[in-house]
């Protein structure tokens, strides 16, 4: 059974940092591209960062490039999102995800709130 479990969210002041984790199980993690998305109520889910399965090539949304870093540890079946220089507009629920065939799988999400 495929499972994605995010953790690491919380309340942080502007300029602060958080590291999100997504623990995967039920599939061959190292073989899949992994993505982080975020969503604010009333808005569409936004793709934040992507990491490839092989070389670990990364891509980022313009809004987070230079501040966020996606990484993966295939020995732990875990993908991370290091978030630095956080801004109030980064406040959202963050989800990890991957496409398995025709199905996109999602975790339950973790809330990140950036506020003073």
PDB file of N, CA and C in Angstrom:
ATOM      1  N   UNK A   1       0.847  -1.185   0.000  1.00  0.00           N
ATOM      2  CA  UNK A   1       0.000   0.000   0.000  1.00  0.00           C
ATOM      3  C   UNK A   1       0.887   1.242   0.000  1.00  0.00           C
ATOM      4  N   UNK A   2       0.669   2.105  -0.974  1.00  0.00           N
ATOM      5  CA  UNK A   2       1.453   3.328  -1.074  1.00  0.00           C
ATOM      6  C   UNK A   2       1.096   4.271   0.077  1.00  0.00           C
ATOM      7  N   UNK A   3       2.125   4.826   0.682  1.00  0.00           N
ATOM      8  CA  UNK A   3       1.907   5.787   1.754  1.00  0.00           C
ATOM      9  C   UNK A   3       2.973   6.871   1.691  1.00  0.00           C
ATOM     10  N   UNK A   4       2.530   8.114   1.842  1.00  0.00           N
ATOM     11  CA  UNK A   4       3.406   9.270   1.953  1.00  0.00           C
ATOM     12  C   UNK A   4       3.013  10.016   3.217  1.00  0.00           C
ATOM     13  N   UNK A   5       3.978  10.229   4.101  1.00  0.00           N
ATOM     14  CA  UNK A   5       3.690  10.869   5.379  1.00  0.00           C
ATOM     15  C   UNK A   5       4.614  12.061   5.558  1.00  0.00           C
ATOM     16  N   UNK A   6       4.035  13.265   5.500  1.00  0.00           N
ATOM     17  CA  UNK A   6       4.799  14.497   5.692  1.00  0.00           C
ATOM     18  C   UNK A   6       4.901  14.850   7.167  1.00  0.00           C
ATOM     19  N   UNK A   7       5.983  15.529   7.502  1.00  0.00           N
ATOM     20  CA  UNK A   7       6.172  16.042   8.861  1.00  0.00           C
ATOM     21  C   UNK A   7       7.105  17.235   8.801  1.00  0.00           C
ATOM     22  N   UNK A   8       7.175  17.955   9.914  1.00  0.00           N
ATOM     23  CA  UNK A   8       8.115  19.053  10.012  1.00  0.00           C
ATOM     24  C   UNK A   8       7.521  20.438   9.891  1.00  0.00           C
ATOM     25  N   UNK A   9       6.237  20.522   9.624  1.00  0.00           N
ATOM     26  CA  UNK A   9       5.615  21.832   9.536  1.00  0.00           C
ATOM     27  C   UNK A   9       5.480  22.481  10.905  1.00  0.00           C
ATOM     28  N   UNK A  10       5.046  23.734  10.891  1.00  0.00           N
ATOM     29  CA  UNK A  10       4.863  24.445  12.148  1.00  0.00           C
ATOM     30  C   UNK A  10       4.778  25.929  11.933  1.00  0.00           C
ATOM     31  N   UNK A  11       4.883  26.654  13.031  1.00  0.00           N
ATOM     32  CA  UNK A  11       4.855  28.114  13.021  1.00  0.00           C
ATOM     33  C   UNK A  11       6.277  28.636  13.113  1.00  0.00           C
ATOM     34  N   UNK A  12       6.617  29.552  12.209  1.00  0.00           N
ATOM     35  CA  UNK A  12       7.963  30.107  12.193  1.00  0.00           C
ATOM     36  C   UNK A  12       7.864  31.595  11.867  1.00  0.00           C
ATOM     37  N   UNK A  13       8.798  32.366  12.383  1.00  0.00           N
ATOM     38  CA  UNK A  13       8.814  33.804  12.105  1.00  0.00           C
ATOM     39  C   UNK A  13       9.382  34.080  10.712  1.00  0.00           C
ATOM     40  N   UNK A  14       8.997  35.188  10.114  1.00  0.00           N
ATOM     41  CA  UNK A  14       9.600  35.561   8.829  1.00  0.00           C
ATOM     42  C   UNK A  14      11.128  35.576   8.924  1.00  0.00           C
ATOM     43  N   UNK A  15      11.760  35.041   7.885  1.00  0.00           N
ATOM     44  CA  UNK A  15      13.213  34.921   7.888  1.00  0.00           C
ATOM     45  C   UNK A  15      13.725  33.617   8.463  1.00  0.00           C
ATOM     46  N   UNK A  16      12.843  32.858   9.081  1.00  0.00           N
ATOM     47  CA  UNK A  16      13.240  31.605   9.692  1.00  0.00           C
ATOM     48  C   UNK A  16      13.314  30.444   8.706  1.00  0.00           C
ATOM     49  N   UNK A  17      13.571  29.265   9.269  1.00  0.00           N
ATOM     50  CA  UNK A  17      13.759  28.064   8.451  1.00  0.00           C
ATOM     51  C   UNK A  17      12.953  26.903   9.007  1.00  0.00           C
ATOM     52  N   UNK A  18      12.593  26.004   8.109  1.00  0.00           N
ATOM     53  CA  UNK A  18      11.971  24.739   8.474  1.00  0.00           C
ATOM     54  C   UNK A  18      12.467  23.680   7.511  1.00  0.00           C
ATOM     55  N   UNK A  19      12.505  22.439   7.963  1.00  0.00           N
ATOM     56  CA  UNK A  19      12.773  21.327   7.066  1.00  0.00           C
ATOM     57  C   UNK A  19      11.611  20.363   7.124  1.00  0.00           C
ATOM     58  N   UNK A  20      10.997  20.169   5.981  1.00  0.00           N
ATOM     59  CA  UNK A  20       9.916  19.203   5.861  1.00  0.00           C
ATOM     60  C   UNK A  20      10.475  17.856   5.423  1.00  0.00           C
ATOM     61  N   UNK A  21       9.843  16.797   5.912  1.00  0.00           N
ATOM     62  CA  UNK A  21      10.200  15.440   5.509  1.00  0.00           C
ATOM     63  C   UNK A  21       8.964  14.730   4.981  1.00  0.00           C
ATOM     64  N   UNK A  22       9.206  13.813   4.068  1.00  0.00           N
ATOM     65  CA  UNK A  22       8.123  12.984   3.537  1.00  0.00           C
ATOM     66  C   UNK A  22       8.644  11.554   3.484  1.00  0.00           C
ATOM     67  N   UNK A  23       8.112  10.731   4.363  1.00  0.00           N
ATOM     68  CA  UNK A  23       8.514   9.326   4.420  1.00  0.00           C
ATOM     69  C   UNK A  23       7.611   8.505   3.512  1.00  0.00           C
ATOM     70  N   UNK A  24       8.228   7.766   2.623  1.00  0.00           N
ATOM     71  CA  UNK A  24       7.484   6.995   1.626  1.00  0.00           C
ATOM     72  C   UNK A  24       7.551   5.502   1.931  1.00  0.00           C
ATOM     73  N   UNK A  25       6.508   4.795   1.562  1.00  0.00           N
ATOM     74  CA  UNK A  25       6.489   3.346   1.699  1.00  0.00           C
ATOM     75  C   UNK A  25       5.498   2.767   0.697  1.00  0.00           C
ATOM     76  N   UNK A  26       5.664   1.479   0.424  1.00  0.00           N
ATOM     77  CA  UNK A  26       4.729   0.784  -0.444  1.00  0.00           C
ATOM     78  C   UNK A  26       5.059   0.835  -1.924  1.00  0.00           C
ATOM     79  N   UNK A  27       6.184   1.421  -2.266  1.00  0.00           N
ATOM     80  CA  UNK A  27       6.635   1.452  -3.658  1.00  0.00           C
ATOM     81  C   UNK A  27       8.152   1.614  -3.675  1.00  0.00           C
ATOM     82  N   UNK A  28       8.735   1.428  -4.862  1.00  0.00           N
ATOM     83  CA  UNK A  28      10.191   1.505  -4.991  1.00  0.00           C
ATOM     84  C   UNK A  28      10.585   2.966  -5.137  1.00  0.00           C
ATOM     85  N   UNK A  29      10.808   3.575  -3.997  1.00  0.00           N
ATOM     86  CA  UNK A  29      10.993   5.033  -3.896  1.00  0.00           C
ATOM     87  C   UNK A  29      12.050   5.557  -4.860  1.00  0.00           C
ATOM     88  N   UNK A  30      13.175   4.850  -4.941  1.00  0.00           N
ATOM     89  CA  UNK A  30      14.309   5.386  -5.706  1.00  0.00           C
ATOM     90  C   UNK A  30      14.017   5.495  -7.193  1.00  0.00           C
ATOM     91  N   UNK A  31      12.975   4.840  -7.637  1.00  0.00           N
ATOM     92  CA  UNK A  31      12.645   4.833  -9.055  1.00  0.00           C
ATOM     93  C   UNK A  31      11.708   5.933  -9.504  1.00  0.00           C
ATOM     94  N   UNK A  32      11.318   6.819  -8.609  1.00  0.00           N
ATOM     95  CA  UNK A  32      10.274   7.788  -8.939  1.00  0.00           C
ATOM     96  C   UNK A  32      10.719   9.228  -8.719  1.00  0.00           C
ATOM     97  N   UNK A  33      10.262  10.089  -9.613  1.00  0.00           N
ATOM     98  CA  UNK A  33      10.391  11.525  -9.414  1.00  0.00           C
ATOM     99  C   UNK A  33       9.487  11.930  -8.253  1.00  0.00           C
ATOM    100  N   UNK A  34      10.004  12.745  -7.373  1.00  0.00           N
ATOM    101  CA  UNK A  34       9.236  13.209  -6.220  1.00  0.00           C
ATOM    102  C   UNK A  34       9.061  14.723  -6.300  1.00  0.00           C
ATOM    103  N   UNK A  35       7.915  15.173  -5.827  1.00  0.00           N
ATOM    104  CA  UNK A  35       7.577  16.593  -5.897  1.00  0.00           C
ATOM    105  C   UNK A  35       7.006  17.090  -4.571  1.00  0.00           C
ATOM    106  N   UNK A  36       7.227  18.349  -4.307  1.00  0.00           N
ATOM    107  CA  UNK A  36       6.565  19.054  -3.214  1.00  0.00           C
ATOM    108  C   UNK A  36       5.626  20.093  -3.835  1.00  0.00           C
ATOM    109  N   UNK A  37       4.421  20.130  -3.304  1.00  0.00           N
ATOM    110  CA  UNK A  37       3.426  21.124  -3.674  1.00  0.00           C
ATOM    111  C   UNK A  37       3.011  21.880  -2.412  1.00  0.00           C
ATOM    112  N   UNK A  38       2.324  22.990  -2.630  1.00  0.00           N
ATOM    113  CA  UNK A  38       1.707  23.687  -1.504  1.00  0.00           C
ATOM    114  C   UNK A  38       0.362  24.245  -1.945  1.00  0.00           C
ATOM    115  N   UNK A  39      -0.508  24.455  -0.957  1.00  0.00           N
ATOM    116  CA  UNK A  39      -1.842  24.957  -1.262  1.00  0.00           C
ATOM    117  C   UNK A  39      -2.334  25.872  -0.161  1.00  0.00           C
ATOM    118  N   UNK A  40      -2.868  26.991  -0.587  1.00  0.00           N
ATOM    119  CA  UNK A  40      -3.520  27.949   0.295  1.00  0.00           C
ATOM    120  C   UNK A  40      -5.016  27.810   0.070  1.00  0.00           C
ATOM    121  N   UNK A  41      -5.833  27.877   1.121  1.00  0.00           N
ATOM    122  CA  UNK A  41      -7.281  27.761   0.936  1.00  0.00           C
ATOM    123  C   UNK A  41      -7.804  28.721  -0.128  1.00  0.00           C
ATOM    124  N   UNK A  42      -8.601  28.193  -1.032  1.00  0.00           N
ATOM    125  CA  UNK A  42      -9.185  29.016  -2.072  1.00  0.00           C
ATOM    126  C   UNK A  42      -8.326  29.180  -3.304  1.00  0.00           C
ATOM    127  N   UNK A  43      -7.114  28.597  -3.265  1.00  0.00           N
ATOM    128  CA  UNK A  43      -6.219  28.694  -4.420  1.00  0.00           C
ATOM    129  C   UNK A  43      -5.847  27.302  -4.917  1.00  0.00           C
ATOM    130  N   UNK A  44      -5.364  27.253  -6.164  1.00  0.00           N
ATOM    131  CA  UNK A  44      -4.927  25.974  -6.727  1.00  0.00           C
ATOM    132  C   UNK A  44      -3.637  25.513  -6.066  1.00  0.00           C
ATOM    133  N   UNK A  45      -3.481  24.201  -6.087  1.00  0.00           N
ATOM    134  CA  UNK A  45      -2.244  23.642  -5.549  1.00  0.00           C
ATOM    135  C   UNK A  45      -1.081  24.052  -6.458  1.00  0.00           C
ATOM    136  N   UNK A  46       0.018  24.477  -5.856  1.00  0.00           N
ATOM    137  CA  UNK A  46       1.174  25.004  -6.592  1.00  0.00           C
ATOM    138  C   UNK A  46       2.351  24.043  -6.470  1.00  0.00           C
ATOM    139  N   UNK A  47       2.970  23.736  -7.622  1.00  0.00           N
ATOM    140  CA  UNK A  47       4.182  22.920  -7.609  1.00  0.00           C
ATOM    141  C   UNK A  47       5.348  23.772  -7.109  1.00  0.00           C
ATOM    142  N   UNK A  48       6.025  23.292  -6.083  1.00  0.00           N
ATOM    143  CA  UNK A  48       7.108  24.046  -5.453  1.00  0.00           C
ATOM    144  C   UNK A  48       8.470  23.556  -5.923  1.00  0.00           C
ATOM    145  N   UNK A  49       8.674  22.233  -5.905  1.00  0.00           N
ATOM    146  CA  UNK A  49       9.995  21.685  -6.222  1.00  0.00           C
ATOM    147  C   UNK A  49       9.856  20.242  -6.682  1.00  0.00           C
ATOM    148  N   UNK A  50      10.803  19.842  -7.529  1.00  0.00           N
ATOM    149  CA  UNK A  50      10.838  18.494  -8.104  1.00  0.00           C
ATOM    150  C   UNK A  50      12.256  17.963  -8.022  1.00  0.00           C
ATOM    151  N   UNK A  51      12.369  16.661  -7.757  1.00  0.00           N
ATOM    152  CA  UNK A  51      13.678  16.009  -7.779  1.00  0.00           C
ATOM    153  C   UNK A  51      13.550  14.712  -8.560  1.00  0.00           C
ATOM    154  N   UNK A  52      14.492  14.498  -9.466  1.00  0.00           N
ATOM    155  CA  UNK A  52      14.432  13.322 -10.320  1.00  0.00           C
ATOM    156  C   UNK A  52      14.821  12.075  -9.544  1.00  0.00           C
ATOM    157  N   UNK A  53      14.595  10.940 -10.193  1.00  0.00           N
ATOM    158  CA  UNK A  53      14.847   9.674  -9.524  1.00  0.00           C
ATOM    159  C   UNK A  53      16.317   9.260  -9.586  1.00  0.00           C
ATOM    160  N   UNK A  54      16.990   9.570 -10.651  1.00  0.00           N
ATOM    161  CA  UNK A  54      18.345   9.079 -10.838  1.00  0.00           C
ATOM    162  C   UNK A  54      19.400  10.036 -10.332  1.00  0.00           C
ATOM    163  N   UNK A  55      19.664  11.041 -11.140  1.00  0.00           N
ATOM    164  CA  UNK A  55      20.751  11.971 -10.831  1.00  0.00           C
ATOM    165  C   UNK A  55      20.384  12.957  -9.741  1.00  0.00           C
ATOM    166  N   UNK A  56      19.095  12.989  -9.383  1.00  0.00           N
ATOM    167  CA  UNK A  56      18.693  13.945  -8.365  1.00  0.00           C
ATOM    168  C   UNK A  56      18.610  15.368  -8.890  1.00  0.00           C
ATOM    169  N   UNK A  57      18.371  15.497 -10.162  1.00  0.00           N
ATOM    170  CA  UNK A  57      18.204  16.830 -10.746  1.00  0.00           C
ATOM    171  C   UNK A  57      16.998  17.517 -10.121  1.00  0.00           C
ATOM    172  N   UNK A  58      17.157  18.790  -9.804  1.00  0.00           N
ATOM    173  CA  UNK A  58      16.105  19.534  -9.106  1.00  0.00           C
ATOM    174  C   UNK A  58      15.611  20.714  -9.933  1.00  0.00           C
ATOM    175  N   UNK A  59      14.345  21.030  -9.753  1.00  0.00           N
ATOM    176  CA  UNK A  59      13.770  22.242 -10.332  1.00  0.00           C
ATOM    177  C   UNK A  59      12.882  22.890  -9.276  1.00  0.00           C
ATOM    178  N   UNK A  60      12.705  24.209  -9.427  1.00  0.00           N
ATOM    179  CA  UNK A  60      11.983  24.979  -8.414  1.00  0.00           C
ATOM    180  C   UNK A  60      11.050  25.986  -9.066  1.00  0.00           C
ATOM    181  N   UNK A  61       9.980  26.291  -8.349  1.00  0.00           N
ATOM    182  CA  UNK A  61       9.142  27.411  -8.737  1.00  0.00           C
ATOM    183  C   UNK A  61       9.937  28.699  -8.555  1.00  0.00           C
ATOM    184  N   UNK A  62       9.629  29.687  -9.397  1.00  0.00           N
ATOM    185  CA  UNK A  62      10.343  30.962  -9.302  1.00  0.00           C
ATOM    186  C   UNK A  62      10.200  31.576  -7.912  1.00  0.00           C
ATOM    187  N   UNK A  63       9.060  31.345  -7.287  1.00  0.00           N
ATOM    188  CA  UNK A  63       8.768  31.974  -6.005  1.00  0.00           C
ATOM    189  C   UNK A  63       9.639  31.452  -4.866  1.00  0.00           C
ATOM    190  N   UNK A  64      10.261  30.293  -5.040  1.00  0.00           N
ATOM    191  CA  UNK A  64      11.054  29.710  -3.947  1.00  0.00           C
ATOM    192  C   UNK A  64      12.515  29.482  -4.333  1.00  0.00           C
ATOM    193  N   UNK A  65      12.849  29.647  -5.600  1.00  0.00           N
ATOM    194  CA  UNK A  65      14.222  29.367  -6.040  1.00  0.00           C
ATOM    195  C   UNK A  65      15.208  30.223  -5.274  1.00  0.00           C
ATOM    196  N   UNK A  66      16.257  29.582  -4.795  1.00  0.00           N
ATOM    197  CA  UNK A  66      17.284  30.267  -4.012  1.00  0.00           C
ATOM    198  C   UNK A  66      17.017  30.251  -2.520  1.00  0.00           C
ATOM    199  N   UNK A  67      15.789  29.882  -2.131  1.00  0.00           N
ATOM    200  CA  UNK A  67      15.443  29.826  -0.710  1.00  0.00           C
ATOM    201  C   UNK A  67      15.129  28.395  -0.257  1.00  0.00           C
ATOM    202  N   UNK A  68      14.552  27.606  -1.132  1.00  0.00           N
ATOM    203  CA  UNK A  68      14.171  26.232  -0.801  1.00  0.00           C
ATOM    204  C   UNK A  68      15.113  25.249  -1.501  1.00  0.00           C
ATOM    205  N   UNK A  69      15.332  24.100  -0.849  1.00  0.00           N
ATOM    206  CA  UNK A  69      16.131  23.036  -1.436  1.00  0.00           C
ATOM    207  C   UNK A  69      15.425  21.703  -1.248  1.00  0.00           C
ATOM    208  N   UNK A  70      15.219  21.003  -2.341  1.00  0.00           N
ATOM    209  CA  UNK A  70      14.648  19.655  -2.278  1.00  0.00           C
ATOM    210  C   UNK A  70      15.783  18.642  -2.339  1.00  0.00           C
ATOM    211  N   UNK A  71      15.652  17.597  -1.556  1.00  0.00           N
ATOM    212  CA  UNK A  71      16.673  16.546  -1.532  1.00  0.00           C
ATOM    213  C   UNK A  71      15.994  15.218  -1.223  1.00  0.00           C
ATOM    214  N   UNK A  72      16.693  14.143  -1.510  1.00  0.00           N
ATOM    215  CA  UNK A  72      16.139  12.832  -1.219  1.00  0.00           C
ATOM    216  C   UNK A  72      17.216  11.917  -0.671  1.00  0.00           C
ATOM    217  N   UNK A  73      16.791  10.990   0.173  1.00  0.00           N
ATOM    218  CA  UNK A  73      17.678   9.966   0.708  1.00  0.00           C
ATOM    219  C   UNK A  73      17.043   8.628   0.352  1.00  0.00           C
ATOM    220  N   UNK A  74      17.586   7.990  -0.681  1.00  0.00           N
ATOM    221  CA  UNK A  74      16.999   6.743  -1.155  1.00  0.00           C
ATOM    222  C   UNK A  74      17.264   5.575  -0.197  1.00  0.00           C
ATOM    223  N   UNK A  75      18.171   5.755   0.749  1.00  0.00           N
ATOM    224  CA  UNK A  75      18.388   4.704   1.754  1.00  0.00           C
ATOM    225  C   UNK A  75      17.310   4.766   2.845  1.00  0.00           C
ATOM    226  N   UNK A  76      16.664   5.925   2.950  1.00  0.00           N
ATOM    227  CA  UNK A  76      15.620   6.101   3.954  1.00  0.00           C
ATOM    228  C   UNK A  76      14.238   6.277   3.333  1.00  0.00           C
ATOM    229  N   UNK A  77      14.169   6.203   2.012  1.00  0.00           N
ATOM    230  CA  UNK A  77      12.892   6.404   1.316  1.00  0.00           C
ATOM    231  C   UNK A  77      12.219   7.693   1.770  1.00  0.00           C
ATOM    232  N   UNK A  78      12.977   8.744   1.785  1.00  0.00           N
ATOM    233  CA  UNK A  78      12.487  10.024   2.302  1.00  0.00           C
ATOM    234  C   UNK A  78      12.903  11.158   1.379  1.00  0.00           C
ATOM    235  N   UNK A  79      11.990  12.088   1.164  1.00  0.00           N
ATOM    236  CA  UNK A  79      12.298  13.323   0.436  1.00  0.00           C
ATOM    237  C   UNK A  79      12.123  14.491   1.402  1.00  0.00           C
ATOM    238  N   UNK A  80      12.983  15.481   1.243  1.00  0.00           N
ATOM    239  CA  UNK A  80      13.020  16.614   2.158  1.00  0.00           C
ATOM    240  C   UNK A  80      12.776  17.917   1.399  1.00  0.00           C
ATOM    241  N   UNK A  81      12.339  18.904   2.128  1.00  0.00           N
ATOM    242  CA  UNK A  81      12.271  20.265   1.604  1.00  0.00           C
ATOM    243  C   UNK A  81      12.822  21.196   2.674  1.00  0.00           C
ATOM    244  N   UNK A  82      14.022  21.677   2.436  1.00  0.00           N
ATOM    245  CA  UNK A  82      14.633  22.668   3.333  1.00  0.00           C
ATOM    246  C   UNK A  82      14.155  24.040   2.897  1.00  0.00           C
ATOM    247  N   UNK A  83      13.549  24.759   3.814  1.00  0.00           N
ATOM    248  CA  UNK A  83      12.978  26.070   3.507  1.00  0.00           C
ATOM    249  C   UNK A  83      13.667  27.126   4.355  1.00  0.00           C
ATOM    250  N   UNK A  84      14.357  28.030   3.708  1.00  0.00           N
ATOM    251  CA  UNK A  84      15.065  29.118   4.385  1.00  0.00           C
ATOM    252  C   UNK A  84      14.466  30.467   3.988  1.00  0.00           C
ATOM    253  N   UNK A  85      14.800  31.472   4.747  1.00  0.00           N
ATOM    254  CA  UNK A  85      14.323  32.838   4.471  1.00  0.00           C
ATOM    255  C   UNK A  85      12.818  32.853   4.216  1.00  0.00           C
ATOM    256  N   UNK A  86      12.105  32.217   5.101  1.00  0.00           N
ATOM    257  CA  UNK A  86      10.662  32.072   4.902  1.00  0.00           C
ATOM    258  C   UNK A  86       9.958  33.413   4.960  1.00  0.00           C
ATOM    259  N   UNK A  87       8.907  33.516   4.148  1.00  0.00           N
ATOM    260  CA  UNK A  87       8.108  34.721   4.041  1.00  0.00           C
ATOM    261  C   UNK A  87       6.657  34.410   4.408  1.00  0.00           C
ATOM    262  N   UNK A  88       5.891  35.391   4.813  1.00  0.00           N
ATOM    263  CA  UNK A  88       4.468  35.127   5.117  1.00  0.00           C
ATOM    264  C   UNK A  88       3.728  34.477   3.950  1.00  0.00           C
ATOM    265  N   UNK A  89       4.110  34.825   2.729  1.00  0.00           N
ATOM    266  CA  UNK A  89       3.430  34.237   1.569  1.00  0.00           C
ATOM    267  C   UNK A  89       3.782  32.768   1.335  1.00  0.00           C
ATOM    268  N   UNK A  90       4.714  32.221   2.116  1.00  0.00           N
ATOM    269  CA  UNK A  90       5.003  30.786   2.064  1.00  0.00           C
ATOM    270  C   UNK A  90       4.023  29.984   2.912  1.00  0.00           C
ATOM    271  N   UNK A  91       3.188  30.668   3.666  1.00  0.00           N
ATOM    272  CA  UNK A  91       2.196  29.991   4.495  1.00  0.00           C
ATOM    273  C   UNK A  91       1.259  29.162   3.627  1.00  0.00           C
ATOM    274  N   UNK A  92       1.166  27.871   3.930  1.00  0.00           N
ATOM    275  CA  UNK A  92       0.359  26.948   3.123  1.00  0.00           C
ATOM    276  C   UNK A  92       0.421  25.569   3.757  1.00  0.00           C
ATOM    277  N   UNK A  93      -0.395  24.678   3.247  1.00  0.00           N
ATOM    278  CA  UNK A  93      -0.228  23.261   3.534  1.00  0.00           C
ATOM    279  C   UNK A  93       0.689  22.686   2.445  1.00  0.00           C
ATOM    280  N   UNK A  94       1.719  21.984   2.876  1.00  0.00           N
ATOM    281  CA  UNK A  94       2.710  21.426   1.963  1.00  0.00           C
ATOM    282  C   UNK A  94       2.486  19.921   1.826  1.00  0.00           C
ATOM    283  N   UNK A  95       2.518  19.456   0.576  1.00  0.00           N
ATOM    284  CA  UNK A  95       2.279  18.050   0.255  1.00  0.00           C
ATOM    285  C   UNK A  95       3.431  17.480  -0.564  1.00  0.00           C
ATOM    286  N   UNK A  96       3.796  16.249  -0.301  1.00  0.00           N
ATOM    287  CA  UNK A  96       4.679  15.555  -1.229  1.00  0.00           C
ATOM    288  C   UNK A  96       3.828  14.658  -2.116  1.00  0.00           C
ATOM    289  N   UNK A  97       4.389  14.328  -3.277  1.00  0.00           N
ATOM    290  CA  UNK A  97       3.595  13.623  -4.268  1.00  0.00           C
ATOM    291  C   UNK A  97       4.482  12.916  -5.278  1.00  0.00           C
ATOM    292  N   UNK A  98       3.919  11.889  -5.921  1.00  0.00           N
ATOM    293  CA  UNK A  98       4.565  11.278  -7.075  1.00  0.00           C
ATOM    294  C   UNK A  98       3.500  10.650  -7.964  1.00  0.00           C
ATOM    295  N   UNK A  99       3.872  10.474  -9.225  1.00  0.00           N
ATOM    296  CA  UNK A  99       3.003   9.806 -10.186  1.00  0.00           C
ATOM    297  C   UNK A  99       3.416   8.336 -10.299  1.00  0.00           C
ATOM    298  N   UNK A 100       2.476   7.468 -10.009  1.00  0.00           N
ATOM    299  CA  UNK A 100       2.671   6.044 -10.211  1.00  0.00           C
ATOM    300  C   UNK A 100       1.756   5.590 -11.337  1.00  0.00           C
ATOM    301  N   UNK A 101       2.307   5.500 -12.546  1.00  0.00           N
ATOM    302  CA  UNK A 101       1.459   5.193 -13.693  1.00  0.00           C
ATOM    303  C   UNK A 101       0.516   6.344 -13.956  1.00  0.00           C
ATOM    304  N   UNK A 102      -0.776   6.063 -13.958  1.00  0.00           N
ATOM    305  CA  UNK A 102      -1.786   7.086 -14.226  1.00  0.00           C
ATOM    306  C   UNK A 102      -2.309   7.753 -12.955  1.00  0.00           C
ATOM    307  N   UNK A 103      -1.758   7.380 -11.839  1.00  0.00           N
ATOM    308  CA  UNK A 103      -2.266   7.860 -10.553  1.00  0.00           C
ATOM    309  C   UNK A 103      -1.255   8.779  -9.878  1.00  0.00           C
ATOM    310  N   UNK A 104      -1.744   9.923  -9.416  1.00  0.00           N
ATOM    311  CA  UNK A 104      -0.893  10.792  -8.624  1.00  0.00           C
ATOM    312  C   UNK A 104      -1.219  10.557  -7.158  1.00  0.00           C
ATOM    313  N   UNK A 105      -0.193  10.207  -6.400  1.00  0.00           N
ATOM    314  CA  UNK A 105      -0.339   9.919  -4.988  1.00  0.00           C
ATOM    315  C   UNK A 105       0.071  11.134  -4.161  1.00  0.00           C
ATOM    316  N   UNK A 106      -0.637  11.315  -3.057  1.00  0.00           N
ATOM    317  CA  UNK A 106      -0.412  12.470  -2.195  1.00  0.00           C
ATOM    318  C   UNK A 106      -0.306  12.031  -0.741  1.00  0.00           C
ATOM    319  N   UNK A 107       0.474  12.796   0.013  1.00  0.00           N
ATOM    320  CA  UNK A 107       0.431  12.653   1.446  1.00  0.00           C
ATOM    321  C   UNK A 107      -0.715  13.457   2.027  1.00  0.00           C
ATOM    322  N   UNK A 108      -0.786  13.471   3.355  1.00  0.00           N
ATOM    323  CA  UNK A 108      -1.874  14.178   4.036  1.00  0.00           C
ATOM    324  C   UNK A 108      -1.603  15.663   4.199  1.00  0.00           C
ATOM    325  N   UNK A 109      -0.357  16.056   3.998  1.00  0.00           N
ATOM    326  CA  UNK A 109       0.022  17.459   4.091  1.00  0.00           C
ATOM    327  C   UNK A 109       0.497  17.849   5.482  1.00  0.00           C
ATOM    328  N   UNK A 110       1.297  18.907   5.506  1.00  0.00           N
ATOM    329  CA  UNK A 110       1.769  19.466   6.767  1.00  0.00           C
ATOM    330  C   UNK A 110       1.662  20.990   6.675  1.00  0.00           C
ATOM    331  N   UNK A 111       1.130  21.604   7.710  1.00  0.00           N
ATOM    332  CA  UNK A 111       0.878  23.041   7.700  1.00  0.00           C
ATOM    333  C   UNK A 111       2.134  23.814   8.032  1.00  0.00           C
ATOM    334  N   UNK A 112       2.449  24.788   7.215  1.00  0.00           N
ATOM    335  CA  UNK A 112       3.526  25.734   7.481  1.00  0.00           C
ATOM    336  C   UNK A 112       2.903  27.114   7.600  1.00  0.00           C
ATOM    337  N   UNK A 113       3.166  27.769   8.718  1.00  0.00           N
ATOM    338  CA  UNK A 113       2.657  29.115   8.949  1.00  0.00           C
ATOM    339  C   UNK A 113       3.833  30.031   9.248  1.00  0.00           C
ATOM    340  N   UNK A 114       3.971  31.078   8.457  1.00  0.00           N
ATOM    341  CA  UNK A 114       5.048  32.047   8.629  1.00  0.00           C
ATOM    342  C   UNK A 114       4.414  33.349   9.105  1.00  0.00           C
ATOM    343  N   UNK A 115       4.678  33.691  10.356  1.00  0.00           N
ATOM    344  CA  UNK A 115       4.032  34.849  10.946  1.00  0.00           C
ATOM    345  C   UNK A 115       4.827  35.323  12.152  1.00  0.00           C
ATOM    346  N   UNK A 116       4.795  36.632  12.372  1.00  0.00           N
ATOM    347  CA  UNK A 116       5.432  37.171  13.563  1.00  0.00           C
ATOM    348  C   UNK A 116       4.422  37.315  14.695  1.00  0.00           C
TER     349      UNK A 116
END
